[in-house]
Amino acid sequence: MSTAATMELNAAETGSVAPTRLHHFNYVCRDHEETRTFYEDVLGIPLVSFFCEVEQVPGLGEVVLGHAFYGLADGSQIAIMNFPNHPDMREPALEAARTLPNTIHLAVNVTAKVQERAREKLTDAGVEFMEVDHGVVRSIYFRDPNGITIEYTVDPTNVAELSEYALRTAHENMRAYLAGDHSEQKHKMAKTVTARFDS
């Protein structure tokens, strides 16, 4: 049974309804062309939409917003906005991305082939990246020109099996954590279901 099918079954039993997919992740940039070059030319994520919006914001007056959308394969998007006449609006977010990369980051699922290609393109572009084997996924981390940390993560070939186990134990694990049990639960998963990756 797939992860989606497991969630659908769980929703039928509990009455909850999960969103169908991520629509977009929104962030800010200093320079749209610099950002476009990184996403489209380096990573190969196409610019699929751009529009300018003008809003009246209480206390700020007229605010110009330039919205760029980069499309992922499932139809979801990375949305990047800029405020040319109010640069002060973007600075808190940019600072948070720079100073809190471990907590504020965008993770996208890729194939092993795409991840390997990204390593090559990032190296050619002089962009540093870090590789982490989390046991249940294998990831590389790097930053875009705005300081956003991006994670390209590869699922194991038996991701459905791991996802079903994770879904079955999610509430139990959360209750244990909230009760003060801060042992690493992913090791418990690894002992029960072994992640398998193509060599």
C-alpha atoms as a PDB file:
ATOM      1  CA  MET A   1       0.000   0.000   0.000  1.00  0.00           C
ATOM      2  CA  SER A   2       1.364   3.440  -0.921  1.00  0.00           C
ATOM      3  CA  THR A   3       1.834   6.306   1.514  1.00  0.00           C
ATOM      4  CA  ALA A   4      -1.076   8.138  -0.117  1.00  0.00           C
ATOM      5  CA  ALA A   5      -3.314   5.066   0.171  1.00  0.00           C
ATOM      6  CA  THR A   6      -2.329   4.610   3.824  1.00  0.00           C
ATOM      7  CA  MET A   7      -3.145   8.256   4.552  1.00  0.00           C
ATOM      8  CA  GLU A   8      -6.459   7.927   2.705  1.00  0.00           C
ATOM      9  CA  LEU A   9      -7.359   4.894   4.821  1.00  0.00           C
ATOM     10  CA  ASN A  10      -6.309   6.727   7.984  1.00  0.00           C
ATOM     11  CA  ALA A  11      -8.410   9.742   6.953  1.00  0.00           C
ATOM     12  CA  ALA A  12     -11.451   7.513   6.427  1.00  0.00           C
ATOM     13  CA  GLU A  13     -11.008   6.050   9.915  1.00  0.00           C
ATOM     14  CA  THR A  14     -10.335   9.330  11.745  1.00  0.00           C
ATOM     15  CA  GLY A  15     -12.371  11.769   9.669  1.00  0.00           C
ATOM     16  CA  SER A  16      -9.326  13.938   8.946  1.00  0.00           C
ATOM     17  CA  VAL A  17      -8.625  15.202   5.451  1.00  0.00           C
ATOM     18  CA  ALA A  18      -5.022  15.822   4.430  1.00  0.00           C
ATOM     19  CA  PRO A  19      -4.248  18.356   1.686  1.00  0.00           C
ATOM     20  CA  THR A  20      -3.613  16.762  -1.705  1.00  0.00           C
ATOM     21  CA  ARG A  21      -0.144  18.324  -2.115  1.00  0.00           C
ATOM     22  CA  LEU A  22       1.930  21.374  -1.285  1.00  0.00           C
ATOM     23  CA  HIS A  23       0.708  24.299  -3.404  1.00  0.00           C
ATOM     24  CA  HIS A  24       3.690  26.569  -2.870  1.00  0.00           C
ATOM     25  CA  PHE A  25       6.431  27.503  -0.441  1.00  0.00           C
ATOM     26  CA  ASN A  26       6.850  31.284  -0.276  1.00  0.00           C
ATOM     27  CA  TYR A  27       9.989  33.235   0.508  1.00  0.00           C
ATOM     28  CA  VAL A  28      11.686  36.531  -0.336  1.00  0.00           C
ATOM     29  CA  CYS A  29      14.727  37.613  -2.332  1.00  0.00           C
ATOM     30  CA  ARG A  30      16.916  40.660  -2.801  1.00  0.00           C
ATOM     31  CA  ASP A  31      17.392  40.200  -6.552  1.00  0.00           C
ATOM     32  CA  HIS A  32      14.968  38.316  -8.818  1.00  0.00           C
ATOM     33  CA  GLU A  33      17.430  37.759 -11.667  1.00  0.00           C
ATOM     34  CA  GLU A  34      20.150  36.394  -9.367  1.00  0.00           C
ATOM     35  CA  THR A  35      17.544  34.078  -7.830  1.00  0.00           C
ATOM     36  CA  ARG A  36      16.188  33.013 -11.248  1.00  0.00           C
ATOM     37  CA  THR A  37      19.700  32.186 -12.438  1.00  0.00           C
ATOM     38  CA  PHE A  38      20.204  29.885  -9.449  1.00  0.00           C
ATOM     39  CA  TYR A  39      16.857  28.052  -9.586  1.00  0.00           C
ATOM     40  CA  GLU A  40      16.459  27.842 -13.353  1.00  0.00           C
ATOM     41  CA  ASP A  41      19.999  27.728 -14.740  1.00  0.00           C
ATOM     42  CA  VAL A  42      21.805  25.876 -11.932  1.00  0.00           C
ATOM     43  CA  LEU A  43      19.092  23.623 -10.470  1.00  0.00           C
ATOM     44  CA  GLY A  44      16.937  23.306 -13.606  1.00  0.00           C
ATOM     45  CA  ILE A  45      13.712  24.302 -11.829  1.00  0.00           C
ATOM     46  CA  PRO A  46      11.776  26.346 -14.426  1.00  0.00           C
ATOM     47  CA  LEU A  47      10.239  29.753 -13.900  1.00  0.00           C
ATOM     48  CA  VAL A  48       6.559  29.036 -14.621  1.00  0.00           C
ATOM     49  CA  SER A  49       4.914  32.311 -13.651  1.00  0.00           C
ATOM     50  CA  PHE A  50       5.789  35.901 -12.758  1.00  0.00           C
ATOM     51  CA  PHE A  51       3.481  38.772 -11.939  1.00  0.00           C
ATOM     52  CA  CYS A  52       3.550  42.142 -10.192  1.00  0.00           C
ATOM     53  CA  GLU A  53       0.975  42.999  -7.561  1.00  0.00           C
ATOM     54  CA  VAL A  54       0.353  46.355  -5.860  1.00  0.00           C
ATOM     55  CA  GLU A  55      -1.350  46.372  -2.465  1.00  0.00           C
ATOM     56  CA  GLN A  56      -2.305  49.032   0.046  1.00  0.00           C
ATOM     57  CA  VAL A  57      -0.875  47.892   3.374  1.00  0.00           C
ATOM     58  CA  PRO A  58      -1.946  49.674   6.587  1.00  0.00           C
ATOM     59  CA  GLY A  59       0.960  51.673   7.970  1.00  0.00           C
ATOM     60  CA  LEU A  60       3.072  51.219   4.846  1.00  0.00           C
ATOM     61  CA  GLY A  61       0.933  52.610   2.061  1.00  0.00           C
ATOM     62  CA  GLU A  62       1.467  51.271  -1.445  1.00  0.00           C
ATOM     63  CA  VAL A  63       3.545  48.091  -1.516  1.00  0.00           C
ATOM     64  CA  VAL A  64       4.797  46.633  -4.802  1.00  0.00           C
ATOM     65  CA  LEU A  65       5.246  42.842  -4.826  1.00  0.00           C
ATOM     66  CA  GLY A  66       7.052  40.961  -7.581  1.00  0.00           C
ATOM     67  CA  HIS A  67       6.064  37.275  -7.472  1.00  0.00           C
ATOM     68  CA  ALA A  68       8.161  34.577  -9.204  1.00  0.00           C
ATOM     69  CA  PHE A  69       7.019  30.940  -9.228  1.00  0.00           C
ATOM     70  CA  TYR A  70       9.296  27.978  -9.990  1.00  0.00           C
ATOM     71  CA  GLY A  71       7.531  24.719 -10.852  1.00  0.00           C
ATOM     72  CA  LEU A  72       8.143  21.275  -9.354  1.00  0.00           C
ATOM     73  CA  ALA A  73       7.188  18.044 -11.128  1.00  0.00           C
ATOM     74  CA  ASP A  74       4.038  17.422  -9.029  1.00  0.00           C
ATOM     75  CA  GLY A  75       2.615  20.866  -9.816  1.00  0.00           C
ATOM     76  CA  SER A  76       3.668  22.493  -6.545  1.00  0.00           C
ATOM     77  CA  GLN A  77       5.779  25.627  -6.681  1.00  0.00           C
ATOM     78  CA  ILE A  78       8.558  27.548  -4.983  1.00  0.00           C
ATOM     79  CA  ALA A  79       7.324  31.138  -4.793  1.00  0.00           C
ATOM     80  CA  ILE A  80       9.830  33.960  -4.363  1.00  0.00           C
ATOM     81  CA  MET A  81       8.699  37.549  -3.793  1.00  0.00           C
ATOM     82  CA  ASN A  82      10.456  40.896  -3.716  1.00  0.00           C
ATOM     83  CA  PHE A  83       9.403  44.323  -2.416  1.00  0.00           C
ATOM     84  CA  PRO A  84      11.234  46.913  -4.542  1.00  0.00           C
ATOM     85  CA  ASN A  85       9.754  49.929  -2.753  1.00  0.00           C
ATOM     86  CA  HIS A  86       9.871  48.405   0.773  1.00  0.00           C
ATOM     87  CA  PRO A  87      13.153  46.468   1.155  1.00  0.00           C
ATOM     88  CA  ASP A  88      12.718  46.575   4.941  1.00  0.00           C
ATOM     89  CA  MET A  89       9.890  44.027   4.606  1.00  0.00           C
ATOM     90  CA  ARG A  90      12.254  41.282   3.405  1.00  0.00           C
ATOM     91  CA  GLU A  91      15.173  41.728   5.792  1.00  0.00           C
ATOM     92  CA  PRO A  92      13.767  39.810   8.827  1.00  0.00           C
ATOM     93  CA  ALA A  93      13.105  36.730   6.669  1.00  0.00           C
ATOM     94  CA  LEU A  94      16.499  36.904   4.969  1.00  0.00           C
ATOM     95  CA  GLU A  95      18.223  37.239   8.332  1.00  0.00           C
ATOM     96  CA  ALA A  96      16.300  34.259   9.739  1.00  0.00           C
ATOM     97  CA  ALA A  97      17.365  32.090   6.787  1.00  0.00           C
ATOM     98  CA  ARG A  98      20.998  33.048   7.283  1.00  0.00           C
ATOM     99  CA  THR A  99      21.098  32.538  11.044  1.00  0.00           C
ATOM    100  CA  LEU A 100      18.766  29.537  11.431  1.00  0.00           C
ATOM    101  CA  PRO A 101      19.574  27.202   8.493  1.00  0.00           C
ATOM    102  CA  ASN A 102      18.906  24.029  10.501  1.00  0.00           C
ATOM    103  CA  THR A 103      15.359  25.033  11.368  1.00  0.00           C
ATOM    104  CA  ILE A 104      14.341  27.070   8.344  1.00  0.00           C
ATOM    105  CA  HIS A 105      14.866  25.137   5.140  1.00  0.00           C
ATOM    106  CA  LEU A 106      13.001  23.821   2.114  1.00  0.00           C
ATOM    107  CA  ALA A 107      13.225  20.069   1.510  1.00  0.00           C
ATOM    108  CA  VAL A 108      12.231  18.613  -1.855  1.00  0.00           C
ATOM    109  CA  ASN A 109      12.153  14.987  -2.914  1.00  0.00           C
ATOM    110  CA  VAL A 110      14.400  14.036  -5.840  1.00  0.00           C
ATOM    111  CA  THR A 111      15.646  10.849  -7.454  1.00  0.00           C
ATOM    112  CA  ALA A 112      19.211   9.685  -6.852  1.00  0.00           C
ATOM    113  CA  LYS A 113      20.015  10.643 -10.457  1.00  0.00           C
ATOM    114  CA  VAL A 114      18.713  14.195  -9.992  1.00  0.00           C
ATOM    115  CA  GLN A 115      20.616  14.508  -6.715  1.00  0.00           C
ATOM    116  CA  GLU A 116      23.839  13.409  -8.405  1.00  0.00           C
ATOM    117  CA  ARG A 117      23.260  15.878 -11.248  1.00  0.00           C
ATOM    118  CA  ALA A 118      22.647  18.628  -8.686  1.00  0.00           C
ATOM    119  CA  ARG A 119      25.988  17.819  -7.024  1.00  0.00           C
ATOM    120  CA  GLU A 120      27.719  18.297 -10.383  1.00  0.00           C
ATOM    121  CA  LYS A 121      25.885  21.532 -11.219  1.00  0.00           C
ATOM    122  CA  LEU A 122      26.462  22.991  -7.742  1.00  0.00           C
ATOM    123  CA  THR A 123      30.154  22.112  -7.912  1.00  0.00           C
ATOM    124  CA  ASP A 124      30.438  23.723 -11.365  1.00  0.00           C
ATOM    125  CA  ALA A 125      28.686  26.847 -10.030  1.00  0.00           C
ATOM    126  CA  GLY A 126      30.985  27.020  -7.000  1.00  0.00           C
ATOM    127  CA  VAL A 127      28.134  26.390  -4.544  1.00  0.00           C
ATOM    128  CA  GLU A 128      29.110  24.438  -1.425  1.00  0.00           C
ATOM    129  CA  PHE A 129      26.885  21.583  -0.276  1.00  0.00           C
ATOM    130  CA  MET A 130      26.787  19.133   2.613  1.00  0.00           C
ATOM    131  CA  GLU A 131      25.824  15.453   2.367  1.00  0.00           C
ATOM    132  CA  VAL A 132      23.946  13.728   5.203  1.00  0.00           C
ATOM    133  CA  ASP A 133      22.799  10.107   5.399  1.00  0.00           C
ATOM    134  CA  HIS A 134      19.832  10.266   7.776  1.00  0.00           C
ATOM    135  CA  GLY A 135      19.330   6.503   7.659  1.00  0.00           C
ATOM    136  CA  VAL A 136      15.781   6.819   6.350  1.00  0.00           C
ATOM    137  CA  VAL A 137      16.669   9.334   3.608  1.00  0.00           C
ATOM    138  CA  ARG A 138      19.880  10.590   2.000  1.00  0.00           C
ATOM    139  CA  SER A 139      20.208  14.341   1.573  1.00  0.00           C
ATOM    140  CA  ILE A 140      22.381  17.134   0.304  1.00  0.00           C
ATOM    141  CA  TYR A 141      22.019  20.653   1.711  1.00  0.00           C
ATOM    142  CA  PHE A 142      22.973  23.927   0.026  1.00  0.00           C
ATOM    143  CA  ARG A 143      21.971  27.583   0.039  1.00  0.00           C
ATOM    144  CA  ASP A 144      20.368  29.724  -2.623  1.00  0.00           C
ATOM    145  CA  PRO A 145      21.567  33.336  -3.186  1.00  0.00           C
ATOM    146  CA  ASN A 146      19.120  34.574  -0.516  1.00  0.00           C
ATOM    147  CA  GLY A 147      20.479  32.288   2.210  1.00  0.00           C
ATOM    148  CA  ILE A 148      17.608  29.788   2.029  1.00  0.00           C
ATOM    149  CA  THR A 149      18.861  26.301   2.854  1.00  0.00           C
ATOM    150  CA  ILE A 150      17.544  23.772   0.339  1.00  0.00           C
ATOM    151  CA  GLU A 151      17.565  20.031   0.945  1.00  0.00           C
ATOM    152  CA  TYR A 152      17.506  17.601  -1.974  1.00  0.00           C
ATOM    153  CA  THR A 153      16.411  14.357  -0.351  1.00  0.00           C
ATOM    154  CA  VAL A 154      16.325  10.852  -1.848  1.00  0.00           C
ATOM    155  CA  ASP A 155      13.828   8.335  -0.484  1.00  0.00           C
ATOM    156  CA  PRO A 156      14.774   4.662  -0.111  1.00  0.00           C
ATOM    157  CA  THR A 157      13.314   2.198  -2.602  1.00  0.00           C
ATOM    158  CA  ASN A 158      11.022   0.847   0.144  1.00  0.00           C
ATOM    159  CA  VAL A 159       9.708   4.294   1.111  1.00  0.00           C
ATOM    160  CA  ALA A 160       6.104   3.025   1.198  1.00  0.00           C
ATOM    161  CA  GLU A 161       6.993   0.426   3.854  1.00  0.00           C
ATOM    162  CA  LEU A 162       8.826   3.029   5.941  1.00  0.00           C
ATOM    163  CA  SER A 163       5.990   5.541   5.556  1.00  0.00           C
ATOM    164  CA  GLU A 164       3.378   3.033   6.664  1.00  0.00           C
ATOM    165  CA  TYR A 165       5.437   2.196   9.764  1.00  0.00           C
ATOM    166  CA  ALA A 166       5.944   5.911  10.489  1.00  0.00           C
ATOM    167  CA  LEU A 167       2.219   6.592  10.149  1.00  0.00           C
ATOM    168  CA  ARG A 168       1.315   3.703  12.488  1.00  0.00           C
ATOM    169  CA  THR A 169       3.721   4.913  15.189  1.00  0.00           C
ATOM    170  CA  ALA A 170       3.392   8.710  14.778  1.00  0.00           C
ATOM    171  CA  HIS A 171       0.988   9.346  17.676  1.00  0.00           C
ATOM    172  CA  GLU A 172       2.732   6.871  19.962  1.00  0.00           C
ATOM    173  CA  ASN A 173       6.091   8.540  19.286  1.00  0.00           C
ATOM    174  CA  MET A 174       4.691  12.026  19.862  1.00  0.00           C
ATOM    175  CA  ARG A 175       3.103  10.982  23.169  1.00  0.00           C
ATOM    176  CA  ALA A 176       6.417   9.486  24.300  1.00  0.00           C
ATOM    177  CA  TYR A 177       8.297  12.641  23.316  1.00  0.00           C
ATOM    178  CA  LEU A 178       5.823  14.912  25.120  1.00  0.00           C
ATOM    179  CA  ALA A 179       6.133  12.689  28.199  1.00  0.00           C
ATOM    180  CA  GLY A 180       9.881  13.324  28.278  1.00  0.00           C
ATOM    181  CA  ASP A 181      11.244  10.389  26.270  1.00  0.00           C
ATOM    182  CA  HIS A 182      13.792  12.108  24.018  1.00  0.00           C
ATOM    183  CA  SER A 183      15.561   8.996  22.759  1.00  0.00           C
ATOM    184  CA  GLU A 184      16.141   8.892  18.998  1.00  0.00           C
ATOM    185  CA  GLN A 185      13.020   7.243  17.617  1.00  0.00           C
ATOM    186  CA  LYS A 186      14.368   6.915  14.080  1.00  0.00           C
ATOM    187  CA  HIS A 187      16.764   4.251  15.401  1.00  0.00           C
ATOM    188  CA  LYS A 188      13.725   2.308  16.606  1.00  0.00           C
ATOM    189  CA  MET A 189      12.312   2.556  13.087  1.00  0.00           C
ATOM    190  CA  ALA A 190      15.627   1.449  11.564  1.00  0.00           C
ATOM    191  CA  LYS A 191      15.589  -1.687  13.733  1.00  0.00           C
ATOM    192  CA  THR A 192      12.053  -2.488  12.572  1.00  0.00           C
ATOM    193  CA  VAL A 193      12.156  -1.498   8.906  1.00  0.00           C
ATOM    194  CA  THR A 194      15.510  -1.214   7.109  1.00  0.00           C
ATOM    195  CA  ALA A 195      15.770   1.528   4.500  1.00  0.00           C
ATOM    196  CA  ARG A 196      17.011   0.201   1.159  1.00  0.00           C
ATOM    197  CA  PHE A 197      18.755   2.394  -1.426  1.00  0.00           C
ATOM    198  CA  ASP A 198      19.877   1.625  -4.955  1.00  0.00           C
ATOM    199  CA  SER A 199      23.670   1.387  -5.042  1.00  0.00           C
END
